[in-house]
Protein backbone atom coordinates (compact mmCIF):
# COMPACT_ATOMS: atom_id res chain seq x y z
CA CYS A 1 6.06 -2.05 1.67
CA GLN A 2 4.32 -0.33 -1.12
CA ILE A 3 6.24 2.88 -2.09
CA ASN A 4 4.99 5.96 -4.11
CA PHE A 5 6.61 8.58 -2.52
CA ILE A 6 9.72 8.35 -1.23
CA ASP A 7 12.09 11.13 1.09
CA MET A 8 14.91 11.13 -1.55
CA ALA A 9 17.20 12.76 1.78
CA GLU A 10 16.78 9.35 3.51
CA PRO A 11 17.83 6.09 1.46
CA LEU A 12 15.84 3.37 1.57
CA ASN A 13 17.19 -0.11 2.93
CA GLU A 14 16.67 -2.09 -0.31
CA GLN A 15 15.62 -5.13 2.29
CA LYS A 16 12.88 -2.97 3.72
CA MET A 17 11.34 -2.20 0.30
CA ASP A 18 11.23 -6.25 -0.57
CA ASN A 19 10.36 -7.34 2.94
CA PRO A 20 6.28 -6.83 3.15
CA ASP A 21 6.69 -7.60 6.80
CA VAL A 22 9.34 -4.80 7.54
CA ALA A 23 7.82 -1.14 8.33
CA CYS A 24 9.06 1.59 5.72
CA PRO A 25 9.99 4.53 7.77
CA TYR A 26 10.83 6.66 5.05
CA ALA A 27 8.10 5.61 2.55
CA HIS A 28 4.67 7.28 2.67
CA GLN A 29 1.56 5.99 1.35
CA THR A 30 -0.34 8.68 -1.29
CA ASP A 31 -2.92 8.31 -4.29
CA ALA A 32 -1.77 11.72 -5.47
CA LEU A 33 -1.48 11.05 -9.50
CA ALA A 34 1.06 13.68 -9.21
CA LEU A 35 3.24 11.76 -7.35
CA GLN A 36 2.22 8.58 -9.12
CA ASN A 37 3.02 9.63 -12.88
CA GLY A 38 6.80 11.05 -12.13
CA GLY A 39 5.43 14.64 -11.02
CA ASN A 40 4.02 15.59 -14.34
CA GLY A 41 1.00 16.95 -12.00
CA ASP A 42 -2.50 15.92 -12.43
CA ASP A 43 -2.74 15.41 -16.41
CA PRO A 44 -0.05 13.17 -17.36
CA SER A 45 -0.62 14.69 -20.83
CA GLU A 46 0.48 18.16 -19.77
CA SER A 47 3.89 19.10 -20.05
CA PHE A 48 5.36 22.28 -17.78
CA GLU A 49 6.79 24.93 -19.51
CA LEU A 50 8.16 27.65 -17.39
CA PHE A 51 7.32 30.35 -19.75
CA SER A 52 4.75 31.30 -21.83
CA THR A 53 5.35 31.43 -25.92
CA ARG A 54 1.40 30.95 -26.93
CA ARG A 55 0.41 33.26 -29.59
CA PRO A 56 -0.96 36.69 -27.62
CA LYS A 57 -4.03 38.20 -28.97
CA ASP A 58 -2.97 42.03 -29.04
CA PHE A 59 -0.67 44.42 -27.05
CA LYS A 60 -2.35 43.88 -24.25
CA ALA A 61 -2.51 40.27 -23.98
CA GLY A 62 1.49 40.56 -25.04
CA LEU A 63 2.30 42.42 -22.37
CA SER A 64 0.37 40.55 -19.73
CA SER A 65 2.43 37.28 -20.65
CA GLY A 66 5.64 39.37 -21.04
CA LEU A 67 5.43 40.36 -17.74
CA LYS A 68 4.01 37.21 -16.08
CA ASN A 69 7.53 35.70 -18.21
CA VAL A 70 9.53 37.86 -16.56
CA GLY A 71 8.45 37.37 -12.71
CA LYS A 72 8.58 33.62 -13.50
CA GLY A 73 12.23 34.27 -14.21
CA ILE A 74 12.79 36.20 -11.42
CA GLY A 75 11.03 34.29 -8.91
CA ALA A 76 12.77 31.06 -10.36
CA GLY A 77 15.49 32.31 -10.24
CA LEU A 78 15.83 33.00 -6.74
CA ALA A 79 14.03 30.13 -5.16
CA THR A 80 16.49 28.17 -7.07
CA ALA A 81 19.20 30.22 -5.61
CA ILE A 82 17.79 29.53 -2.05
CA ALA A 83 16.88 25.79 -2.70
CA ALA A 84 19.64 24.23 -4.55
CA PRO A 85 22.61 24.88 -1.92
CA ILE A 86 19.95 23.41 0.90
CA SER A 87 19.12 20.30 -1.61
CA GLY A 88 22.88 19.91 -2.29
CA ALA A 89 23.54 20.09 1.36
CA ARG A 90 21.13 17.39 2.24
CA ALA A 91 22.09 15.12 -0.11
CA GLN A 92 26.11 15.09 -0.27
CA GLY A 93 26.90 17.14 2.21
CA ILE A 94 29.52 19.99 2.21
CA ALA A 95 30.22 19.26 -1.44
CA GLY A 96 26.64 19.14 -2.26
CA PHE A 97 26.33 22.83 -0.72
CA GLY A 98 29.10 23.92 -3.06
CA LYS A 99 27.82 22.44 -6.05
CA GLY A 100 24.19 23.64 -4.99
CA LEU A 101 25.27 27.18 -4.76
CA GLY A 102 27.13 27.06 -7.75
CA LEU A 103 24.02 25.90 -9.35
CA GLY A 104 21.63 28.32 -7.69
CA LEU A 105 24.14 31.22 -9.20
CA VAL A 106 23.98 30.42 -12.09
CA ALA A 107 20.34 30.11 -12.16
CA ALA A 108 19.49 32.91 -10.33
CA VAL A 109 21.35 34.94 -13.42
CA ALA A 110 20.18 33.00 -16.32
CA LEU A 111 16.49 32.53 -15.16
CA PRO A 112 15.92 36.33 -15.16
CA ILE A 113 17.77 36.74 -18.35
CA ALA A 114 15.70 34.19 -20.23
CA GLY A 115 12.61 35.57 -18.48
CA LEU A 116 13.22 38.91 -19.67
CA GLY A 117 14.12 37.72 -23.15
CA THR A 118 10.98 35.47 -23.69
CA GLY A 119 8.78 38.44 -21.96
CA LEU A 120 9.96 40.85 -24.66
CA PHE A 121 9.86 38.47 -27.17
CA GLN A 122 6.04 38.07 -25.90
CA MET A 123 5.33 42.09 -25.87
CA SER A 124 6.61 42.65 -29.33
CA ARG A 125 4.60 39.47 -31.09
CA GLY A 126 1.75 41.22 -28.76
CA VAL A 127 2.62 44.59 -30.65
CA PHE A 128 2.62 42.69 -34.01
CA ASN A 129 -0.69 41.04 -33.60
CA THR A 130 -2.10 43.95 -32.80
CA PRO A 131 -3.38 45.60 -36.18
CA GLU A 132 -4.58 41.91 -36.83
CA ALA A 133 -6.72 42.14 -33.72
CA ILE A 134 -8.52 45.67 -34.49
CA LYS A 135 -9.06 44.11 -38.30
CA LYS A 136 -10.53 40.79 -37.15
CA SER A 137 -12.49 42.26 -34.44
CA GLY A 138 -14.08 44.89 -36.91
CA GLU A 139 -14.65 41.88 -39.10
CA ASN A 140 -16.77 40.41 -36.04
CA GLN A 141 -14.48 37.67 -35.82
CA GLU A 142 -14.02 36.03 -32.30
CA TRP A 143 -10.44 34.83 -30.88
CA ASP A 144 -10.57 31.09 -29.93
CA PRO A 145 -8.08 30.95 -26.51
CA VAL A 146 -7.35 27.32 -27.03
CA THR A 147 -6.37 27.45 -30.62
CA ARG A 148 -4.98 30.86 -30.47
CA GLN A 149 -6.59 31.71 -33.99
CA TRP A 150 -9.37 34.14 -34.98
CA TYR A 151 -12.59 32.68 -36.19
CA SER A 152 -16.39 33.74 -37.59
CA TYR A 153 -19.12 33.05 -36.00
CA ASN A 154 -22.62 33.23 -37.37
CA LEU A 155 -25.37 33.18 -34.60
CA LYS A 156 -28.05 33.07 -37.18
CA LYS A 157 -26.37 30.13 -39.24
CA GLU A 158 -25.87 27.89 -36.30
CA ALA A 159 -29.46 28.73 -34.81
CA GLU A 160 -30.57 27.51 -38.62
CA HIS A 161 -28.61 24.04 -38.34
CA ILE A 162 -29.43 23.46 -34.45
CA LEU A 163 -33.35 23.91 -35.39
CA LYS A 164 -33.21 21.59 -38.38
CA MET A 165 -32.14 18.68 -35.94
CA SER A 166 -34.26 16.42 -34.28
CA GLU A 167 -34.17 16.35 -30.62
CA GLU A 168 -32.64 13.01 -30.94
CA GLU A 169 -29.51 14.29 -32.88
CA PHE A 170 -29.31 17.20 -30.63
CA ILE A 171 -28.75 15.21 -27.77
CA GLN A 172 -26.25 12.48 -29.37
CA LEU A 173 -24.17 15.29 -30.65
CA GLN A 174 -24.22 16.70 -27.10
CA ALA A 175 -23.46 13.29 -25.39
CA GLN A 176 -20.53 13.16 -28.21
CA ALA A 177 -19.05 16.54 -27.27
CA ALA A 178 -19.10 16.09 -23.92
CA ALA A 179 -17.20 12.71 -24.04
CA GLY A 180 -14.72 14.41 -25.89
């Protein structure tokens, strides 16, 4: 049988995996890319980061990012404190419950501390970046949320550039931009 997802709490017999005539009671067919690429989400190029450390634009962005990090730390700590003993018990019985309880308690302390640390870091970066944000905004520069940098944008120059193009050139540039 073809296996794309297996409930790891229930071991799968090797003979069932190799024999297509035998039903696989613990295997569930799925087309979910998130499961097919090892649980890395829908986009294989995306990596998971619990805490944000992206450059904040100003104090407001730093405060927002910092508070989110604190909340994520508390939430992840509580979730791990609850889930780790349950997962351990399912996998290894009472010994697994004990291991999971230990791991859960460590996570319940470490993750909120990490969230608080990265939260304070983001807030201080926001405070530090605020004078630059005020200056750049006064110079009519725009903030690029993807590159996390300030840039100058001149609509008049762009309009002149676009109007000098032929229709075919413009369509070709639009197609290139859409392709990536």
